[in-house]
């Protein structure tokens, strides 16, 4: 996860699921705002979903819904 995403509500929702021992191959994340760049394009939500074992995540946002195939997070280049 990136440093911006960890302070967002999406991170809290995924942390609550992890704390409760919840994992699933498919999940739905409903948000009241479209994902910011850190959570969306830069992969913050994908990374958190991958950590919970989610393979397919449906994101429902004000602009519409989309399903994403969750992929392992990209590692940083050294």
C-alpha atoms as a PDB file:
ATOM      1  CA  UNK A   1       0.000   0.000   0.000  1.00  0.00           C
ATOM      2  CA  UNK A   2       1.175   3.520  -0.642  1.00  0.00           C
ATOM      3  CA  UNK A   3       1.494   6.205   2.067  1.00  0.00           C
ATOM      4  CA  UNK A   4      -1.521   8.197   0.856  1.00  0.00           C
ATOM      5  CA  UNK A   5      -3.984   5.302   0.681  1.00  0.00           C
ATOM      6  CA  UNK A   6      -3.256   4.172   4.234  1.00  0.00           C
ATOM      7  CA  UNK A   7      -4.988   7.308   5.550  1.00  0.00           C
ATOM      8  CA  UNK A   8      -8.160   6.879   3.457  1.00  0.00           C
ATOM      9  CA  UNK A   9     -11.489   5.232   4.321  1.00  0.00           C
ATOM     10  CA  UNK A  10     -10.816   2.455   1.813  1.00  0.00           C
ATOM     11  CA  UNK A  11      -7.821   1.360   3.891  1.00  0.00           C
ATOM     12  CA  UNK A  12      -9.964   1.372   7.025  1.00  0.00           C
ATOM     13  CA  UNK A  13     -12.570  -0.845   5.358  1.00  0.00           C
ATOM     14  CA  UNK A  14      -9.936  -3.363   4.256  1.00  0.00           C
ATOM     15  CA  UNK A  15      -8.306  -3.267   7.720  1.00  0.00           C
ATOM     16  CA  UNK A  16     -11.645  -3.970   9.383  1.00  0.00           C
ATOM     17  CA  UNK A  17     -12.111  -6.980   7.093  1.00  0.00           C
ATOM     18  CA  UNK A  18      -8.596  -8.222   7.904  1.00  0.00           C
ATOM     19  CA  UNK A  19      -9.131  -7.722  11.646  1.00  0.00           C
ATOM     20  CA  UNK A  20     -12.349  -9.745  11.423  1.00  0.00           C
ATOM     21  CA  UNK A  21     -10.531 -12.545   9.604  1.00  0.00           C
ATOM     22  CA  UNK A  22     -12.570 -12.044   6.449  1.00  0.00           C
ATOM     23  CA  UNK A  23     -11.182 -13.159   3.109  1.00  0.00           C
ATOM     24  CA  UNK A  24     -12.930 -14.002  -0.133  1.00  0.00           C
ATOM     25  CA  UNK A  25     -12.192 -14.510  -3.794  1.00  0.00           C
ATOM     26  CA  UNK A  26     -14.800 -11.884  -4.780  1.00  0.00           C
ATOM     27  CA  UNK A  27     -15.803  -8.690  -2.993  1.00  0.00           C
ATOM     28  CA  UNK A  28     -17.608  -5.392  -3.453  1.00  0.00           C
ATOM     29  CA  UNK A  29     -16.312  -2.039  -2.217  1.00  0.00           C
ATOM     30  CA  UNK A  30     -18.909   0.723  -2.094  1.00  0.00           C
ATOM     31  CA  UNK A  31     -17.507   4.250  -1.828  1.00  0.00           C
ATOM     32  CA  UNK A  32     -19.147   7.661  -1.606  1.00  0.00           C
ATOM     33  CA  UNK A  33     -16.474   9.306  -3.787  1.00  0.00           C
ATOM     34  CA  UNK A  34     -14.584   8.147  -6.834  1.00  0.00           C
ATOM     35  CA  UNK A  35     -11.182   6.682  -6.008  1.00  0.00           C
ATOM     36  CA  UNK A  36      -8.314   9.155  -5.878  1.00  0.00           C
ATOM     37  CA  UNK A  37      -5.189   8.491  -7.931  1.00  0.00           C
ATOM     38  CA  UNK A  38      -3.362   6.905  -4.984  1.00  0.00           C
ATOM     39  CA  UNK A  39      -6.165   4.421  -4.342  1.00  0.00           C
ATOM     40  CA  UNK A  40      -7.063   3.811  -7.981  1.00  0.00           C
ATOM     41  CA  UNK A  41      -4.461   4.387 -10.686  1.00  0.00           C
ATOM     42  CA  UNK A  42      -1.501   3.934  -8.336  1.00  0.00           C
ATOM     43  CA  UNK A  43      -2.931   0.664  -7.048  1.00  0.00           C
ATOM     44  CA  UNK A  44      -3.633   1.221  -3.347  1.00  0.00           C
ATOM     45  CA  UNK A  45      -7.018  -0.528  -3.389  1.00  0.00           C
ATOM     46  CA  UNK A  46      -5.697  -3.326  -5.616  1.00  0.00           C
ATOM     47  CA  UNK A  47      -2.830  -3.919  -3.179  1.00  0.00           C
ATOM     48  CA  UNK A  48      -5.118  -4.144  -0.154  1.00  0.00           C
ATOM     49  CA  UNK A  49      -7.533  -6.450  -1.976  1.00  0.00           C
ATOM     50  CA  UNK A  50      -4.641  -8.721  -2.954  1.00  0.00           C
ATOM     51  CA  UNK A  51      -3.540  -8.911   0.689  1.00  0.00           C
ATOM     52  CA  UNK A  52      -6.996 -10.264   1.605  1.00  0.00           C
ATOM     53  CA  UNK A  53      -6.911 -12.891  -1.131  1.00  0.00           C
ATOM     54  CA  UNK A  54      -9.516 -11.150  -3.280  1.00  0.00           C
ATOM     55  CA  UNK A  55      -9.279 -12.085  -6.957  1.00  0.00           C
ATOM     56  CA  UNK A  56     -12.117  -9.944  -8.310  1.00  0.00           C
ATOM     57  CA  UNK A  57     -13.209  -6.650  -6.773  1.00  0.00           C
ATOM     58  CA  UNK A  58     -16.273  -4.669  -7.793  1.00  0.00           C
ATOM     59  CA  UNK A  59     -15.916  -0.982  -6.975  1.00  0.00           C
ATOM     60  CA  UNK A  60     -19.197   0.930  -6.758  1.00  0.00           C
ATOM     61  CA  UNK A  61     -18.656   4.698  -6.883  1.00  0.00           C
ATOM     62  CA  UNK A  62     -20.794   7.735  -7.736  1.00  0.00           C
ATOM     63  CA  UNK A  63     -19.571   7.665 -11.347  1.00  0.00           C
ATOM     64  CA  UNK A  64     -20.538   4.001 -11.760  1.00  0.00           C
ATOM     65  CA  UNK A  65     -19.258   0.550 -10.958  1.00  0.00           C
ATOM     66  CA  UNK A  66     -16.404  -1.458 -12.362  1.00  0.00           C
ATOM     67  CA  UNK A  67     -14.964  -4.876 -11.681  1.00  0.00           C
ATOM     68  CA  UNK A  68     -11.216  -5.273 -11.533  1.00  0.00           C
ATOM     69  CA  UNK A  69      -9.119  -8.404 -11.629  1.00  0.00           C
ATOM     70  CA  UNK A  70      -6.852  -8.058  -8.607  1.00  0.00           C
ATOM     71  CA  UNK A  71      -3.176  -8.549  -9.390  1.00  0.00           C
ATOM     72  CA  UNK A  72      -0.097  -8.834  -7.189  1.00  0.00           C
ATOM     73  CA  UNK A  73       1.186  -5.352  -6.357  1.00  0.00           C
ATOM     74  CA  UNK A  74       4.099  -4.047  -8.361  1.00  0.00           C
ATOM     75  CA  UNK A  75       7.327  -4.017  -6.400  1.00  0.00           C
ATOM     76  CA  UNK A  76       9.523  -0.963  -6.265  1.00  0.00           C
ATOM     77  CA  UNK A  77      12.586  -0.919  -8.423  1.00  0.00           C
ATOM     78  CA  UNK A  78      15.871  -0.718  -6.605  1.00  0.00           C
END
